[in-house]
Amino acid sequence: ALSEAAPPGTVIALVRVTDRDSGKNGQLQCRVLGGGGGPGAVPFTLEENYDNFYTVVTDRPLDREAQDEYNVTIVARDGGNPPLNSTKSFSVRILDENDN
């Protein structure tokens, strides 16, 4: 759960992604499905830290009255040909703050 008063840039999760392959097959790209703004987009993004660790952070203000829960899906894709991918999802509940 996360307060709707949480400012943009608030860390909500730490994610580690691994691939045992080498070369291009072991190079990974990760993203939040439905991120990046626009209608229906989730208000979260990934920031790469180091050694395949990422933080999931808020990228804009939250409003519980507009939406009280988000399903966050992270997609990891390798650089192979054809590329393989994996997804993991979790829910983030938005808690109400007094807006007055």
N, C-alpha and C. Protein backbone atom coordinates (compact mmCIF):
# COMPACT_ATOMS: atom_id res chain seq x y z
N ALA A 1 0.84 -1.19 0.00
CA ALA A 1 0.00 0.00 0.00
C ALA A 1 0.88 1.24 0.00
N LEU A 2 0.38 2.30 -0.63
CA LEU A 2 1.12 3.54 -0.79
C LEU A 2 0.17 4.71 -0.62
N SER A 3 0.58 5.72 0.14
CA SER A 3 -0.24 6.89 0.37
C SER A 3 -0.36 7.72 -0.91
N GLU A 4 -1.55 8.29 -1.14
CA GLU A 4 -1.72 9.16 -2.29
C GLU A 4 -0.90 10.44 -2.15
N ALA A 5 -0.38 10.72 -0.95
CA ALA A 5 0.46 11.90 -0.72
C ALA A 5 1.92 11.65 -1.08
N ALA A 6 2.26 10.43 -1.47
CA ALA A 6 3.64 10.11 -1.83
C ALA A 6 4.07 10.95 -3.03
N PRO A 7 5.20 11.65 -2.93
CA PRO A 7 5.63 12.49 -4.05
C PRO A 7 6.19 11.66 -5.21
N PRO A 8 6.21 12.22 -6.42
CA PRO A 8 6.86 11.53 -7.54
C PRO A 8 8.31 11.20 -7.17
N GLY A 9 8.75 10.02 -7.56
CA GLY A 9 10.09 9.55 -7.22
C GLY A 9 10.13 8.65 -6.00
N THR A 10 8.96 8.39 -5.39
CA THR A 10 8.90 7.50 -4.23
C THR A 10 9.15 6.07 -4.68
N VAL A 11 10.08 5.39 -4.02
CA VAL A 11 10.40 3.99 -4.34
C VAL A 11 9.33 3.09 -3.75
N ILE A 12 8.77 2.21 -4.56
CA ILE A 12 7.77 1.27 -4.06
C ILE A 12 8.24 -0.17 -4.09
N ALA A 13 9.29 -0.47 -4.86
CA ALA A 13 9.78 -1.85 -4.92
C ALA A 13 11.21 -1.87 -5.47
N LEU A 14 11.94 -2.90 -5.06
CA LEU A 14 13.26 -3.19 -5.61
C LEU A 14 13.13 -4.51 -6.36
N VAL A 15 13.61 -4.52 -7.60
CA VAL A 15 13.46 -5.68 -8.47
C VAL A 15 14.84 -6.12 -8.96
N ARG A 16 15.09 -7.42 -8.91
CA ARG A 16 16.34 -7.97 -9.45
C ARG A 16 15.99 -8.89 -10.62
N VAL A 17 16.67 -8.70 -11.73
CA VAL A 17 16.42 -9.48 -12.94
C VAL A 17 17.69 -10.23 -13.29
N THR A 18 17.57 -11.52 -13.58
CA THR A 18 18.75 -12.31 -13.94
C THR A 18 18.48 -13.14 -15.18
N ASP A 19 19.56 -13.41 -15.91
CA ASP A 19 19.53 -14.29 -17.07
C ASP A 19 20.88 -15.00 -17.09
N ARG A 20 20.87 -16.31 -17.11
CA ARG A 20 22.12 -17.08 -17.04
C ARG A 20 22.84 -17.20 -18.37
N ASP A 21 22.22 -16.73 -19.44
CA ASP A 21 22.87 -16.79 -20.75
C ASP A 21 24.01 -15.78 -20.81
N SER A 22 24.85 -15.93 -21.83
CA SER A 22 25.94 -14.97 -22.04
C SER A 22 25.72 -14.25 -23.36
N GLY A 23 26.52 -13.23 -23.61
CA GLY A 23 26.40 -12.47 -24.85
C GLY A 23 25.07 -11.77 -24.94
N LYS A 24 24.57 -11.59 -26.18
CA LYS A 24 23.29 -10.92 -26.38
C LYS A 24 22.14 -11.62 -25.66
N ASN A 25 22.20 -12.94 -25.60
CA ASN A 25 21.13 -13.70 -24.95
C ASN A 25 21.04 -13.38 -23.46
N GLY A 26 22.10 -12.87 -22.87
CA GLY A 26 22.09 -12.53 -21.45
C GLY A 26 21.87 -11.05 -21.17
N GLN A 27 21.80 -10.23 -22.21
CA GLN A 27 21.56 -8.80 -22.01
C GLN A 27 20.06 -8.57 -21.85
N LEU A 28 19.71 -7.83 -20.81
CA LEU A 28 18.30 -7.65 -20.47
C LEU A 28 17.83 -6.22 -20.62
N GLN A 29 16.58 -6.07 -21.01
CA GLN A 29 15.88 -4.79 -21.01
C GLN A 29 14.62 -4.98 -20.19
N CYS A 30 14.34 -4.01 -19.31
CA CYS A 30 13.15 -4.11 -18.46
C CYS A 30 12.31 -2.86 -18.59
N ARG A 31 11.00 -3.03 -18.40
CA ARG A 31 10.10 -1.89 -18.43
C ARG A 31 8.84 -2.23 -17.65
N VAL A 32 8.13 -1.18 -17.26
CA VAL A 32 6.82 -1.35 -16.63
C VAL A 32 5.79 -1.32 -17.74
N LEU A 33 4.99 -2.35 -17.83
CA LEU A 33 3.94 -2.42 -18.85
C LEU A 33 2.90 -1.35 -18.56
N GLY A 34 2.58 -0.55 -19.55
CA GLY A 34 1.60 0.51 -19.38
C GLY A 34 2.16 1.76 -18.74
N GLY A 35 3.48 1.87 -18.63
CA GLY A 35 4.10 3.07 -18.08
C GLY A 35 4.33 4.09 -19.17
N GLY A 36 4.85 5.24 -18.80
CA GLY A 36 5.21 6.25 -19.78
C GLY A 36 4.19 7.34 -19.99
N GLY A 37 3.16 7.40 -19.19
CA GLY A 37 2.17 8.47 -19.32
C GLY A 37 1.08 8.13 -20.32
N GLY A 38 0.18 9.05 -20.52
CA GLY A 38 -0.94 8.85 -21.42
C GLY A 38 -2.14 8.27 -20.70
N PRO A 39 -3.28 8.26 -21.35
CA PRO A 39 -4.50 7.74 -20.74
C PRO A 39 -4.36 6.26 -20.38
N GLY A 40 -4.75 5.90 -19.19
CA GLY A 40 -4.71 4.51 -18.75
C GLY A 40 -3.34 4.01 -18.33
N ALA A 41 -2.33 4.85 -18.40
CA ALA A 41 -0.98 4.43 -18.03
C ALA A 41 -0.83 4.35 -16.51
N VAL A 42 -0.03 3.41 -16.06
CA VAL A 42 0.24 3.32 -14.63
C VAL A 42 1.23 4.42 -14.26
N PRO A 43 1.13 4.95 -13.04
CA PRO A 43 2.00 6.06 -12.63
C PRO A 43 3.34 5.60 -12.05
N PHE A 44 3.92 4.58 -12.65
CA PHE A 44 5.17 4.01 -12.15
C PHE A 44 6.16 3.82 -13.29
N THR A 45 7.42 3.86 -12.97
CA THR A 45 8.47 3.63 -13.95
C THR A 45 9.60 2.85 -13.28
N LEU A 46 10.51 2.34 -14.09
CA LEU A 46 11.69 1.63 -13.58
C LEU A 46 12.91 2.50 -13.69
N GLU A 47 13.73 2.49 -12.67
CA GLU A 47 15.04 3.14 -12.71
C GLU A 47 16.09 2.07 -12.51
N GLU A 48 17.02 1.97 -13.45
CA GLU A 48 18.08 0.97 -13.33
C GLU A 48 19.11 1.44 -12.33
N ASN A 49 19.49 0.58 -11.40
CA ASN A 49 20.47 0.92 -10.38
C ASN A 49 21.84 0.38 -10.77
N TYR A 50 22.05 -0.90 -10.60
CA TYR A 50 23.32 -1.54 -10.94
C TYR A 50 23.12 -3.04 -10.97
N ASP A 51 23.95 -3.71 -11.73
CA ASP A 51 23.98 -5.18 -11.76
C ASP A 51 22.59 -5.81 -11.82
N ASN A 52 21.75 -5.32 -12.75
CA ASN A 52 20.41 -5.86 -12.98
C ASN A 52 19.44 -5.64 -11.81
N PHE A 53 19.69 -4.63 -10.97
CA PHE A 53 18.74 -4.20 -9.95
C PHE A 53 18.02 -2.96 -10.45
N TYR A 54 16.72 -2.93 -10.25
CA TYR A 54 15.88 -1.81 -10.66
C TYR A 54 15.02 -1.39 -9.48
N THR A 55 14.66 -0.11 -9.42
CA THR A 55 13.66 0.35 -8.47
C THR A 55 12.42 0.75 -9.24
N VAL A 56 11.27 0.40 -8.69
CA VAL A 56 10.00 0.84 -9.24
C VAL A 56 9.64 2.10 -8.45
N VAL A 57 9.45 3.21 -9.16
CA VAL A 57 9.17 4.49 -8.50
C VAL A 57 7.91 5.12 -9.10
N THR A 58 7.30 5.99 -8.30
CA THR A 58 6.17 6.77 -8.82
C THR A 58 6.71 7.82 -9.77
N ASP A 59 6.00 8.08 -10.86
CA ASP A 59 6.49 9.08 -11.80
C ASP A 59 5.55 10.29 -11.93
N ARG A 60 4.49 10.30 -11.12
CA ARG A 60 3.60 11.46 -11.07
C ARG A 60 2.76 11.37 -9.79
N PRO A 61 2.06 12.45 -9.44
CA PRO A 61 1.23 12.40 -8.24
C PRO A 61 0.13 11.35 -8.35
N LEU A 62 -0.27 10.82 -7.20
CA LEU A 62 -1.32 9.80 -7.15
C LEU A 62 -2.61 10.43 -6.63
N ASP A 63 -3.75 9.87 -7.03
CA ASP A 63 -5.04 10.35 -6.57
C ASP A 63 -5.94 9.14 -6.31
N ARG A 64 -6.15 8.82 -5.03
CA ARG A 64 -6.92 7.64 -4.68
C ARG A 64 -8.37 7.75 -5.16
N GLU A 65 -8.90 8.97 -5.21
CA GLU A 65 -10.27 9.14 -5.67
C GLU A 65 -10.41 8.81 -7.17
N ALA A 66 -9.36 8.97 -7.93
CA ALA A 66 -9.38 8.63 -9.35
C ALA A 66 -9.15 7.14 -9.57
N GLN A 67 -8.22 6.56 -8.80
CA GLN A 67 -7.93 5.12 -8.90
C GLN A 67 -7.32 4.67 -7.59
N ASP A 68 -7.89 3.62 -6.99
CA ASP A 68 -7.43 3.20 -5.67
C ASP A 68 -6.52 1.97 -5.67
N GLU A 69 -6.28 1.39 -6.84
CA GLU A 69 -5.38 0.24 -6.93
C GLU A 69 -4.82 0.13 -8.34
N TYR A 70 -3.57 -0.29 -8.44
CA TYR A 70 -2.91 -0.49 -9.73
C TYR A 70 -2.33 -1.89 -9.77
N ASN A 71 -2.41 -2.51 -10.93
CA ASN A 71 -1.70 -3.76 -11.18
C ASN A 71 -0.44 -3.39 -11.96
N VAL A 72 0.71 -3.61 -11.34
CA VAL A 72 1.99 -3.25 -11.95
C VAL A 72 2.61 -4.51 -12.54
N THR A 73 2.90 -4.47 -13.84
CA THR A 73 3.52 -5.62 -14.52
C THR A 73 4.87 -5.19 -15.06
N ILE A 74 5.90 -5.94 -14.70
CA ILE A 74 7.26 -5.69 -15.17
C ILE A 74 7.60 -6.74 -16.22
N VAL A 75 8.11 -6.26 -17.36
CA VAL A 75 8.49 -7.15 -18.45
C VAL A 75 10.01 -7.10 -18.60
N ALA A 76 10.65 -8.26 -18.58
CA ALA A 76 12.09 -8.38 -18.84
C ALA A 76 12.26 -9.13 -20.14
N ARG A 77 13.10 -8.57 -21.03
CA ARG A 77 13.33 -9.19 -22.35
C ARG A 77 14.82 -9.29 -22.59
N ASP A 78 15.25 -10.42 -23.12
CA ASP A 78 16.67 -10.58 -23.42
C ASP A 78 16.96 -10.13 -24.84
N GLY A 79 18.25 -10.12 -25.19
CA GLY A 79 18.67 -9.65 -26.51
C GLY A 79 18.85 -10.76 -27.52
N GLY A 80 18.33 -11.94 -27.23
CA GLY A 80 18.49 -13.07 -28.15
C GLY A 80 17.65 -12.92 -29.41
N ASN A 81 17.84 -13.86 -30.33
CA ASN A 81 17.09 -13.87 -31.57
C ASN A 81 16.47 -15.25 -31.74
N PRO A 82 15.21 -15.43 -31.53
CA PRO A 82 14.22 -14.43 -31.15
C PRO A 82 14.37 -14.07 -29.66
N PRO A 83 13.95 -12.85 -29.29
CA PRO A 83 14.06 -12.46 -27.88
C PRO A 83 13.04 -13.21 -27.02
N LEU A 84 13.47 -13.57 -25.82
CA LEU A 84 12.59 -14.22 -24.86
C LEU A 84 12.24 -13.20 -23.79
N ASN A 85 11.04 -13.33 -23.21
CA ASN A 85 10.68 -12.40 -22.16
C ASN A 85 9.96 -13.12 -21.03
N SER A 86 9.91 -12.41 -19.90
CA SER A 86 9.24 -12.91 -18.72
C SER A 86 8.53 -11.74 -18.07
N THR A 87 7.39 -12.00 -17.45
CA THR A 87 6.64 -10.94 -16.78
C THR A 87 6.33 -11.35 -15.35
N LYS A 88 6.28 -10.36 -14.48
CA LYS A 88 5.84 -10.55 -13.09
C LYS A 88 4.96 -9.37 -12.74
N SER A 89 3.92 -9.62 -11.97
CA SER A 89 2.97 -8.57 -11.61
C SER A 89 2.77 -8.52 -10.10
N PHE A 90 2.41 -7.33 -9.62
CA PHE A 90 2.02 -7.15 -8.23
C PHE A 90 1.05 -5.98 -8.16
N SER A 91 0.29 -5.93 -7.09
CA SER A 91 -0.71 -4.88 -6.91
C SER A 91 -0.19 -3.81 -5.96
N VAL A 92 -0.56 -2.57 -6.23
CA VAL A 92 -0.25 -1.45 -5.35
C VAL A 92 -1.58 -0.78 -5.00
N ARG A 93 -1.92 -0.81 -3.71
CA ARG A 93 -3.13 -0.17 -3.23
C ARG A 93 -2.80 1.25 -2.82
N ILE A 94 -3.64 2.21 -3.18
CA ILE A 94 -3.43 3.61 -2.86
C ILE A 94 -4.29 3.96 -1.63
N LEU A 95 -3.62 4.49 -0.61
CA LEU A 95 -4.30 4.85 0.64
C LEU A 95 -4.73 6.31 0.60
N ASP A 96 -5.88 6.58 1.21
CA ASP A 96 -6.44 7.93 1.21
C ASP A 96 -5.74 8.84 2.20
N GLU A 97 -5.54 10.09 1.79
CA GLU A 97 -5.07 11.15 2.66
C GLU A 97 -6.13 12.24 2.67
N ASN A 98 -6.19 13.00 3.72
CA ASN A 98 -7.16 14.09 3.78
C ASN A 98 -6.76 15.16 2.77
N ASP A 99 -7.59 15.35 1.73
CA ASP A 99 -7.28 16.30 0.67
C ASP A 99 -7.70 17.73 1.00
N ASN A 100 -8.37 17.92 2.13
CA ASN A 100 -8.86 19.26 2.49
C ASN A 100 -7.81 20.06 3.24
